[in-house]
Amino acid sequence: MKIAITSNDGENVDTHLGKSLYLSIYDVDGDDFNFIERRETGVDVSEKHSGGIVLELAQDCDVIITAKYGFKSKIKADNANIKLVEDEGPIDEVLKRYIDHVKFLDKPINF
């Protein structure tokens, strides 16, 4: 699974999707995640509704983890089959939380 992280400082999930200057791309396999690359978005942070630009740069990703996103970005992400997830904090911790959450949801339910 390929995950994009909105991170302006390269260490934390710290920005709104449409205000992200960079996307940090990670490959996730089981419990392991590896940094692939950092992509510049070219977003003008003074402009509104720039989430589409970021989504286009992440079109090869399965998930984008960001601090916040707007309604229009959610619709565009759904149409592109990209899952948007809101979280904040150090990238390593955010990725671990997401991996743990996915593993939890994949567990069979025993009644």
Protein backbone atom coordinates (compact mmCIF):
# COMPACT_ATOMS: atom_id res chain seq x y z
CA MET A 1 0.00 0.00 0.00
CA LYS A 2 1.27 3.47 -0.84
CA ILE A 3 0.53 6.29 1.59
CA ALA A 4 1.01 10.04 1.09
CA ILE A 5 1.53 12.26 4.12
CA THR A 6 0.95 16.03 4.14
CA SER A 7 3.94 17.41 5.97
CA ASN A 8 5.46 20.84 5.64
CA ASP A 9 8.34 20.08 8.02
CA GLY A 10 9.06 16.51 6.86
CA GLU A 11 8.66 15.12 10.38
CA ASN A 12 5.00 15.67 11.33
CA VAL A 13 1.54 15.45 9.83
CA ASP A 14 1.04 19.15 10.30
CA THR A 15 -1.05 20.77 7.59
CA HIS A 16 -4.36 20.91 5.74
CA LEU A 17 -4.46 18.95 2.47
CA GLY A 18 -4.86 22.08 0.33
CA LYS A 19 -2.11 23.95 2.19
CA SER A 20 0.51 21.23 1.94
CA LEU A 21 3.80 22.29 0.39
CA TYR A 22 5.08 18.71 0.29
CA LEU A 23 3.84 15.15 0.18
CA SER A 24 5.99 12.52 1.85
CA ILE A 25 5.33 9.17 0.16
CA TYR A 26 5.69 5.87 2.03
CA ASP A 27 5.39 2.24 1.02
CA VAL A 28 3.60 0.18 3.66
CA ASP A 29 3.96 -3.59 3.78
CA GLY A 30 2.50 -5.30 6.84
CA ASP A 31 3.94 -3.53 9.90
CA ASP A 32 6.81 -1.98 7.96
CA PHE A 33 6.85 1.38 6.22
CA ASN A 34 9.61 2.86 4.09
CA PHE A 35 10.06 6.40 2.84
CA ILE A 36 10.00 6.56 -0.97
CA GLU A 37 10.15 10.24 -1.88
CA ARG A 38 9.11 13.80 -1.12
CA ARG A 39 7.02 15.62 -3.74
CA GLU A 40 6.67 19.40 -3.98
CA THR A 41 3.05 20.41 -4.49
CA GLY A 42 3.57 23.95 -5.79
CA VAL A 43 0.47 25.00 -3.84
CA ASP A 44 0.02 28.71 -3.13
CA VAL A 45 -1.05 28.64 0.53
CA SER A 46 -2.90 31.95 0.12
CA GLU A 47 -5.30 30.32 -2.37
CA LYS A 48 -8.42 28.41 -1.36
CA HIS A 49 -9.45 25.00 -2.69
CA SER A 50 -5.99 23.69 -3.62
CA GLY A 51 -6.71 20.16 -2.46
CA GLY A 52 -7.24 19.03 -6.05
CA ILE A 53 -3.62 19.87 -6.89
CA VAL A 54 -2.38 17.72 -4.02
CA LEU A 55 -4.75 14.87 -4.93
CA GLU A 56 -3.46 14.89 -8.49
CA LEU A 57 0.12 14.53 -7.21
CA ALA A 58 -0.95 11.57 -5.06
CA GLN A 59 -3.00 9.76 -7.71
CA ASP A 60 -0.69 6.72 -7.44
CA CYS A 61 -1.34 6.45 -3.68
CA ASP A 62 -4.01 4.46 -1.88
CA VAL A 63 -4.27 6.72 1.18
CA ILE A 64 -3.49 10.32 2.08
CA ILE A 65 -3.06 11.17 5.75
CA THR A 66 -3.48 14.86 6.51
CA ALA A 67 -4.37 17.09 9.44
CA LYS A 68 -7.59 18.32 7.74
CA TYR A 69 -9.35 18.28 4.39
CA GLY A 70 -12.36 19.97 2.88
CA PHE A 71 -15.63 18.66 1.47
CA LYS A 72 -14.61 19.15 -2.19
CA SER A 73 -11.34 17.32 -1.61
CA LYS A 74 -13.25 14.41 -0.06
CA ILE A 75 -15.46 14.11 -3.14
CA LYS A 76 -12.46 14.28 -5.49
CA ALA A 77 -10.57 11.70 -3.42
CA ASP A 78 -13.56 9.34 -3.42
CA ASN A 79 -13.82 9.68 -7.21
CA ALA A 80 -10.10 8.87 -7.53
CA ASN A 81 -10.39 5.89 -5.12
CA ILE A 82 -8.04 7.54 -2.64
CA LYS A 83 -8.86 7.22 1.06
CA LEU A 84 -8.45 10.44 3.08
CA VAL A 85 -7.55 10.07 6.75
CA GLU A 86 -7.27 12.86 9.34
CA ASP A 87 -4.54 12.61 11.96
CA GLU A 88 -1.76 14.76 13.40
CA GLY A 89 1.59 14.17 15.01
CA PRO A 90 4.98 12.66 14.19
CA ILE A 91 4.87 10.79 10.87
CA ASP A 92 6.20 7.53 12.37
CA GLU A 93 3.48 7.54 15.05
CA VAL A 94 0.72 8.44 12.58
CA LEU A 95 1.75 5.65 10.20
CA LYS A 96 1.88 3.15 13.08
CA ARG A 97 -1.61 4.20 14.25
CA TYR A 98 -2.98 3.81 10.73
CA ILE A 99 -1.38 0.38 10.26
CA ASP A 100 -2.72 -0.77 13.66
CA HIS A 101 -6.20 0.52 12.74
CA VAL A 102 -6.21 -1.34 9.40
CA LYS A 103 -5.06 -4.55 11.12
CA PHE A 104 -7.83 -4.16 13.73
CA LEU A 105 -10.48 -3.71 11.03
CA ASP A 106 -9.21 -6.79 9.17
CA LYS A 107 -9.65 -9.07 12.18
CA PRO A 108 -12.60 -11.44 11.96
CA ILE A 109 -15.44 -10.84 14.37
CA ASN A 110 -16.07 -13.69 16.80
CA PHE A 111 -19.52 -13.93 18.33
